Protein backbone atom coordinates (compact mmCIF):
# COMPACT_ATOMS: atom_id res chain seq x y z
CA MET A 1 70.14 75.04 126.22
CA THR A 2 70.87 75.02 122.29
CA ARG A 3 68.95 78.36 121.69
CA VAL A 4 70.73 79.99 124.49
CA PHE A 5 74.19 78.97 123.26
CA PHE A 6 73.83 80.14 119.56
CA GLN A 7 72.27 83.48 120.86
CA THR A 8 75.79 83.91 123.04
CA THR A 9 77.69 82.90 120.35
CA ALA A 10 75.82 85.12 117.71
CA ALA A 11 76.48 87.82 120.49
CA LEU A 12 80.01 87.47 120.96
CA ALA A 13 80.59 86.99 117.17
CA LEU A 14 78.84 90.28 116.59
CA LEU A 15 80.87 92.20 119.08
CA ALA A 16 84.01 90.66 117.42
CA VAL A 17 83.27 91.87 114.23
CA LEU A 18 82.00 95.57 115.50
CA SER A 19 85.19 95.90 117.45
CA GLY A 20 87.32 95.37 114.45
CA CYS A 21 85.41 98.17 112.70
CA GLN A 22 87.06 100.51 115.28
CA SER A 23 88.70 103.35 113.81
CA VAL A 24 92.10 105.23 114.95
CA LYS A 25 93.10 108.36 114.20
CA GLU A 26 96.75 108.24 112.74
CA THR A 27 98.99 111.01 114.22
CA PHE A 28 102.04 110.37 111.78
CA GLU A 29 103.71 113.12 109.35
CA ARG A 30 105.87 112.12 106.18
CA ILE A 31 109.41 112.97 106.55
CA PRO A 32 111.27 113.23 103.56
CA GLY A 33 114.58 111.09 103.20
CA LYS A 34 115.70 107.45 103.32
CA GLU A 35 113.73 105.07 104.99
CA SER A 36 114.90 103.76 108.42
CA HIS A 37 115.62 100.31 109.30
CA VAL A 38 117.20 98.92 112.34
CA TYR A 39 118.69 95.41 112.37
CA VAL A 40 119.89 93.09 114.81
CA ASP A 41 121.63 89.54 114.44
CA ALA A 42 119.71 86.93 114.14
CA PRO A 43 120.13 83.89 115.90
CA ILE A 44 122.40 82.19 113.21
CA LYS A 45 126.23 81.57 113.78
CA PRO A 46 127.90 84.08 111.63
CA GLU A 47 129.90 82.62 108.75
CA THR A 48 133.81 83.24 107.37
CA GLY A 49 135.13 82.74 104.19
CA ILE A 50 135.38 84.38 100.45
CA ALA A 51 133.06 86.60 99.04
CA SER A 52 132.93 87.60 95.22
CA TRP A 53 130.42 89.94 93.18
CA TYR A 54 128.77 88.99 90.33
CA GLY A 55 127.02 90.89 87.13
CA GLY A 56 127.47 91.18 83.32
CA ARG A 57 125.62 88.38 81.61
CA TRP A 58 123.43 88.07 84.73
CA ILE A 59 121.94 91.71 84.55
CA GLY A 60 118.65 91.34 83.56
CA ARG A 61 117.77 87.73 84.21
CA LEU A 62 115.79 86.22 86.83
CA THR A 63 117.06 85.47 90.11
CA ALA A 64 116.18 82.51 91.89
CA ASN A 65 113.44 84.35 93.87
CA GLY A 66 111.81 85.19 90.89
CA GLU A 67 113.54 89.22 90.91
CA THR A 68 115.21 90.67 87.90
CA TYR A 69 118.78 91.01 88.43
CA ARG A 70 119.65 94.59 88.71
CA GLN A 71 123.52 95.49 89.36
CA GLY A 72 122.23 98.90 91.03
CA ASP A 73 120.39 96.96 94.08
CA VAL A 74 122.22 96.07 97.09
CA THR A 75 121.58 92.13 97.29
CA ALA A 76 123.08 88.81 97.44
CA ALA A 77 123.50 85.33 96.49
CA HIS A 78 123.75 82.90 99.25
CA LYS A 79 123.31 78.76 99.14
CA LYS A 80 121.13 78.45 102.16
CA LEU A 81 119.46 81.58 103.95
CA PRO A 82 115.74 82.15 103.28
CA PHE A 83 115.37 84.85 100.18
CA HIS A 84 114.76 88.55 101.65
CA THR A 85 117.08 87.88 104.80
CA PRO A 86 119.10 90.89 105.60
CA VAL A 87 122.94 90.11 105.99
CA ARG A 88 125.73 92.29 107.06
CA VAL A 89 128.65 91.51 105.36
CA THR A 90 132.15 92.96 106.92
CA ASP A 91 135.29 92.71 104.87
CA LEU A 92 137.54 91.25 107.41
CA LYS A 93 140.76 93.28 105.80
CA THR A 94 139.38 96.77 105.90
CA GLY A 95 136.37 96.43 108.71
CA LYS A 96 134.04 98.03 106.01
CA SER A 97 130.52 96.30 106.11
CA VAL A 98 127.59 96.63 104.18
CA VAL A 99 123.56 94.93 104.40
CA VAL A 100 122.41 93.23 102.00
CA ARG A 101 119.33 91.20 100.79
CA ILE A 102 119.34 87.70 99.75
CA ASN A 103 117.36 87.36 96.84
CA ASN A 104 119.58 84.44 94.35
CA ARG A 105 121.32 81.11 95.15
CA GLY A 106 125.12 80.74 95.12
CA PRO A 107 127.84 81.01 94.80
CA PHE A 108 128.94 77.75 93.02
CA VAL A 109 132.48 78.19 93.39
CA ARG A 110 134.12 76.03 95.96
CA GLY A 111 135.25 78.19 98.94
CA ARG A 112 132.92 80.90 98.35
CA ILE A 113 130.23 81.88 100.69
CA ILE A 114 128.29 84.56 99.27
CA ASP A 115 128.22 86.24 95.87
CA LEU A 116 127.62 90.46 95.99
CA SER A 117 125.58 92.36 93.62
CA VAL A 118 127.87 95.16 91.82
CA VAL A 119 126.80 97.89 93.81
CA ALA A 120 127.51 95.98 97.10
CA ALA A 121 130.61 94.91 96.13
CA LYS A 122 131.36 98.86 95.77
CA GLN A 123 129.89 99.75 98.71
CA LEU A 124 132.04 97.25 100.58
CA GLY A 125 135.03 97.98 98.59
CA THR A 126 135.86 94.52 97.11
CA TYR A 127 134.84 95.26 93.26
CA ASP A 128 138.15 95.97 92.42
CA ARG A 129 139.93 92.95 94.32
CA GLY A 130 137.34 90.64 92.81
CA ILE A 131 137.03 88.39 96.11
CA ALA A 132 137.66 89.26 99.53
CA LYS A 133 137.83 87.38 102.99
CA VAL A 134 134.26 88.35 104.89
CA GLN A 135 132.29 87.50 107.65
CA ILE A 136 128.66 87.19 107.18
CA GLN A 137 126.06 87.65 109.78
CA ALA A 138 122.27 87.38 109.01
CA LEU A 139 120.06 90.03 110.38
CA ARG A 140 116.61 90.41 111.39
CA GLU A 141 114.93 93.66 110.83
CA VAL A 142 113.43 95.22 114.22
CA PRO A 143 110.13 97.36 113.19
CA VAL A 144 110.89 100.82 114.33
CA MET A 145 107.61 102.71 113.27
CA ARG A 146 104.19 101.64 111.40
CA TYR A 147 105.25 103.72 108.33
CA PRO A 148 108.52 104.36 106.89
CA ASN A 149 109.71 108.34 106.74
CA MET A 150 106.80 108.98 109.48
CA ARG A 151 107.38 110.44 113.07
CA ALA A 152 104.94 110.47 115.74
CA ILE A 153 103.03 113.57 116.33
CA PRO A 154 102.53 114.07 120.13
CA ARG A 155 98.89 114.95 120.99
CA LYS A 156 98.08 118.35 122.70
CA SER A 157 97.49 117.16 126.23
CA ALA A 158 94.00 118.87 127.60
CA ALA A 159 95.74 119.60 130.77
CA LYS A 160 96.70 123.30 131.55
CA PRO A 161 100.84 123.73 131.87
CA GLU A 162 101.92 124.53 135.42
CA GLN A 163 102.17 128.20 136.06
CA LYS A 164 105.63 128.80 137.55
CA PRO A 165 105.56 130.99 140.89
CA THR A 166 106.55 134.38 140.34
CA GLN A 167 108.15 136.30 142.98
CA GLU A 168 107.00 139.17 144.49
CA SER A 169 109.21 141.88 145.88
């Protein structure tokens, strides 16, 4: 009984290992250009409050998640959202919005809900004002394709195309 059980288990394990070795021909082609991202609202309630931006002495320092702060990255600091969460920040005065990635903690000024990087503030149009009333919505990324900047190439069908009937006079 145990011998049959052992042989059956070994055969199933071997089958599982071999099925994982199967190779599939990739049918993708690289397309130059920007990486495509599609986002949908995450099941977290939107927040409304004051946004500010930060730079200056923070440039080149480590953020709370261990990255180096670069003012040219489209990132932000939030007190509670998980790191790497994409967030849509909408300026309630102008209606403009920008999608940022959370990589730091803050802001630590009462009444503010998010600190934007310099580039994010410029894209949103709040850089010159310094602060703005915004709504933030956490997003989740929807995977569009396995590889960025690639498109699927349809495989050629083995079937012959149908011939159109011709009119005979």
